[in-house]
Amino acid sequence: MKLRLGQLFTVLGSLMVSSLAFAQGGDSTSIGTGLVALASALAIGLAALGGTLSQARAADAALSGIARNPTAADKVFTPMIIALALIEFQAIMGFIIAFLWYSK
């Protein structure tokens, strides 16, 4: 009984909140502006997600290589830092592209 009542309140609450989204007045924004904003948000999200996942994988590979062969730490550290910098640059480029789209 409590589960059904909770589900009922959830459905009624979501219906009341979603009706507010459609109560927008008639302003000069078009569907294109909304799609550009959505594309910008998607670009930022994918850049952040891809950057963090690839940085984690690169750091994991480098640290496991150093753990297996501690004498190779100086040979692994510099390429790892360069790879992390390039990955971060790609994420920043995603942010820049998203800001350029949103500014149009």
C-alpha atoms as a PDB file:
ATOM      1  CA  MET A   1       0.000   0.000   0.000  1.00  0.00           C
ATOM      2  CA  LYS A   2       2.784   2.412   0.912  1.00  0.00           C
ATOM      3  CA  LEU A   3       4.628   1.577  -2.293  1.00  0.00           C
ATOM      4  CA  ARG A   4       1.576   2.335  -4.434  1.00  0.00           C
ATOM      5  CA  LEU A   5       0.980   5.599  -2.597  1.00  0.00           C
ATOM      6  CA  GLY A   6       4.607   6.622  -3.138  1.00  0.00           C
ATOM      7  CA  GLN A   7       4.362   5.803  -6.818  1.00  0.00           C
ATOM      8  CA  LEU A   8       1.153   7.797  -7.095  1.00  0.00           C
ATOM      9  CA  PHE A   9       2.748  10.853  -5.493  1.00  0.00           C
ATOM     10  CA  THR A  10       5.775  10.494  -7.756  1.00  0.00           C
ATOM     11  CA  VAL A  11       3.631  10.405 -10.889  1.00  0.00           C
ATOM     12  CA  LEU A  12       1.431  13.296  -9.768  1.00  0.00           C
ATOM     13  CA  GLY A  13       4.443  15.362  -8.750  1.00  0.00           C
ATOM     14  CA  SER A  14       6.210  14.792 -12.052  1.00  0.00           C
ATOM     15  CA  LEU A  15       3.057  15.729 -13.962  1.00  0.00           C
ATOM     16  CA  MET A  16       2.732  18.971 -12.031  1.00  0.00           C
ATOM     17  CA  VAL A  17       6.380  19.891 -12.553  1.00  0.00           C
ATOM     18  CA  SER A  18       6.392  18.980 -16.250  1.00  0.00           C
ATOM     19  CA  SER A  19       3.388  21.195 -16.884  1.00  0.00           C
ATOM     20  CA  LEU A  20       5.467  24.167 -15.750  1.00  0.00           C
ATOM     21  CA  ALA A  21       7.931  23.468 -18.560  1.00  0.00           C
ATOM     22  CA  PHE A  22       5.209  23.937 -21.155  1.00  0.00           C
ATOM     23  CA  ALA A  23       3.945  27.172 -19.573  1.00  0.00           C
ATOM     24  CA  GLN A  24       6.595  29.213 -21.349  1.00  0.00           C
ATOM     25  CA  GLY A  25       5.579  32.516 -22.822  1.00  0.00           C
ATOM     26  CA  GLY A  26       6.020  33.457 -26.454  1.00  0.00           C
ATOM     27  CA  ASP A  27       9.497  34.938 -26.665  1.00  0.00           C
ATOM     28  CA  SER A  28      11.827  35.265 -29.623  1.00  0.00           C
ATOM     29  CA  THR A  29      13.847  32.088 -29.024  1.00  0.00           C
ATOM     30  CA  SER A  30      13.591  29.437 -31.683  1.00  0.00           C
ATOM     31  CA  ILE A  31      14.111  25.706 -31.699  1.00  0.00           C
ATOM     32  CA  GLY A  32      17.555  26.268 -33.219  1.00  0.00           C
ATOM     33  CA  THR A  33      18.731  28.152 -30.145  1.00  0.00           C
ATOM     34  CA  GLY A  34      17.644  25.306 -27.931  1.00  0.00           C
ATOM     35  CA  LEU A  35      19.346  22.735 -30.115  1.00  0.00           C
ATOM     36  CA  VAL A  36      22.589  24.719 -30.090  1.00  0.00           C
ATOM     37  CA  ALA A  37      22.425  24.896 -26.300  1.00  0.00           C
ATOM     38  CA  LEU A  38      21.784  21.157 -26.151  1.00  0.00           C
ATOM     39  CA  ALA A  39      24.700  20.469 -28.508  1.00  0.00           C
ATOM     40  CA  SER A  40      26.977  22.676 -26.403  1.00  0.00           C
ATOM     41  CA  ALA A  41      25.990  20.872 -23.219  1.00  0.00           C
ATOM     42  CA  LEU A  42      26.529  17.513 -24.896  1.00  0.00           C
ATOM     43  CA  ALA A  43      29.959  18.591 -26.169  1.00  0.00           C
ATOM     44  CA  ILE A  44      31.046  19.740 -22.715  1.00  0.00           C
ATOM     45  CA  GLY A  45      29.762  16.570 -21.107  1.00  0.00           C
ATOM     46  CA  LEU A  46      31.437  14.269 -23.616  1.00  0.00           C
ATOM     47  CA  ALA A  47      34.703  16.212 -23.418  1.00  0.00           C
ATOM     48  CA  ALA A  48      34.737  15.980 -19.639  1.00  0.00           C
ATOM     49  CA  LEU A  49      33.754  12.302 -19.631  1.00  0.00           C
ATOM     50  CA  GLY A  50      36.226  11.313 -22.321  1.00  0.00           C
ATOM     51  CA  GLY A  51      39.027  13.338 -20.772  1.00  0.00           C
ATOM     52  CA  THR A  52      38.605  11.891 -17.309  1.00  0.00           C
ATOM     53  CA  LEU A  53      38.259   8.319 -18.523  1.00  0.00           C
ATOM     54  CA  SER A  54      41.300   8.516 -20.773  1.00  0.00           C
ATOM     55  CA  GLN A  55      43.409  10.253 -18.122  1.00  0.00           C
ATOM     56  CA  ALA A  56      42.485   7.574 -15.612  1.00  0.00           C
ATOM     57  CA  ARG A  57      43.387   4.828 -18.063  1.00  0.00           C
ATOM     58  CA  ALA A  58      46.713   6.478 -18.979  1.00  0.00           C
ATOM     59  CA  ALA A  59      47.657   6.982 -15.335  1.00  0.00           C
ATOM     60  CA  ASP A  60      46.644   3.397 -14.522  1.00  0.00           C
ATOM     61  CA  ALA A  61      48.798   2.015 -17.315  1.00  0.00           C
ATOM     62  CA  ALA A  62      51.775   4.134 -16.340  1.00  0.00           C
ATOM     63  CA  LEU A  63      51.519   3.320 -12.642  1.00  0.00           C
ATOM     64  CA  SER A  64      51.119  -0.396 -13.283  1.00  0.00           C
ATOM     65  CA  GLY A  65      54.169  -0.275 -15.563  1.00  0.00           C
ATOM     66  CA  ILE A  66      56.172   1.488 -12.865  1.00  0.00           C
ATOM     67  CA  ALA A  67      54.945  -1.007 -10.256  1.00  0.00           C
ATOM     68  CA  ARG A  68      56.101  -3.941 -12.387  1.00  0.00           C
ATOM     69  CA  ASN A  69      59.469  -2.388 -13.210  1.00  0.00           C
ATOM     70  CA  PRO A  70      60.465   0.375 -10.745  1.00  0.00           C
ATOM     71  CA  THR A  71      63.716   1.079 -12.593  1.00  0.00           C
ATOM     72  CA  ALA A  72      61.741   2.272 -15.634  1.00  0.00           C
ATOM     73  CA  ALA A  73      59.988   5.034 -13.687  1.00  0.00           C
ATOM     74  CA  ASP A  74      62.032   7.819 -15.290  1.00  0.00           C
ATOM     75  CA  LYS A  75      61.342   6.424 -18.783  1.00  0.00           C
ATOM     76  CA  VAL A  76      57.590   6.135 -18.167  1.00  0.00           C
ATOM     77  CA  PHE A  77      56.975   9.361 -16.247  1.00  0.00           C
ATOM     78  CA  THR A  78      57.772  11.886 -18.995  1.00  0.00           C
ATOM     79  CA  PRO A  79      55.659  10.263 -21.742  1.00  0.00           C
ATOM     80  CA  MET A  80      52.814   9.899 -19.241  1.00  0.00           C
ATOM     81  CA  ILE A  81      52.884  13.611 -18.420  1.00  0.00           C
ATOM     82  CA  ILE A  82      52.943  14.485 -22.137  1.00  0.00           C
ATOM     83  CA  ALA A  83      50.026  12.136 -22.802  1.00  0.00           C
ATOM     84  CA  LEU A  84      48.040  13.627 -19.910  1.00  0.00           C
ATOM     85  CA  ALA A  85      48.702  17.126 -21.241  1.00  0.00           C
ATOM     86  CA  LEU A  86      47.468  16.151 -24.711  1.00  0.00           C
ATOM     87  CA  ILE A  87      44.370  14.499 -23.263  1.00  0.00           C
ATOM     88  CA  GLU A  88      43.643  17.633 -21.236  1.00  0.00           C
ATOM     89  CA  PHE A  89      44.107  19.732 -24.369  1.00  0.00           C
ATOM     90  CA  GLN A  90      41.480  17.655 -26.163  1.00  0.00           C
ATOM     91  CA  ALA A  91      39.033  18.203 -23.295  1.00  0.00           C
ATOM     92  CA  ILE A  92      39.730  21.945 -23.363  1.00  0.00           C
ATOM     93  CA  MET A  93      39.125  21.967 -27.123  1.00  0.00           C
ATOM     94  CA  GLY A  94      35.731  20.388 -26.472  1.00  0.00           C
ATOM     95  CA  PHE A  95      34.946  23.233 -24.065  1.00  0.00           C
ATOM     96  CA  ILE A  96      36.104  25.842 -26.580  1.00  0.00           C
ATOM     97  CA  ILE A  97      33.991  24.353 -29.365  1.00  0.00           C
ATOM     98  CA  ALA A  98      30.969  24.240 -27.076  1.00  0.00           C
ATOM     99  CA  PHE A  99      31.424  27.885 -26.096  1.00  0.00           C
ATOM    100  CA  LEU A 100      31.800  28.880 -29.750  1.00  0.00           C
ATOM    101  CA  TRP A 101      28.574  27.061 -30.624  1.00  0.00           C
ATOM    102  CA  TYR A 102      26.733  28.641 -27.742  1.00  0.00           C
ATOM    103  CA  SER A 103      27.922  32.156 -28.619  1.00  0.00           C
ATOM    104  CA  LYS A 104      26.343  31.975 -32.092  1.00  0.00           C
END
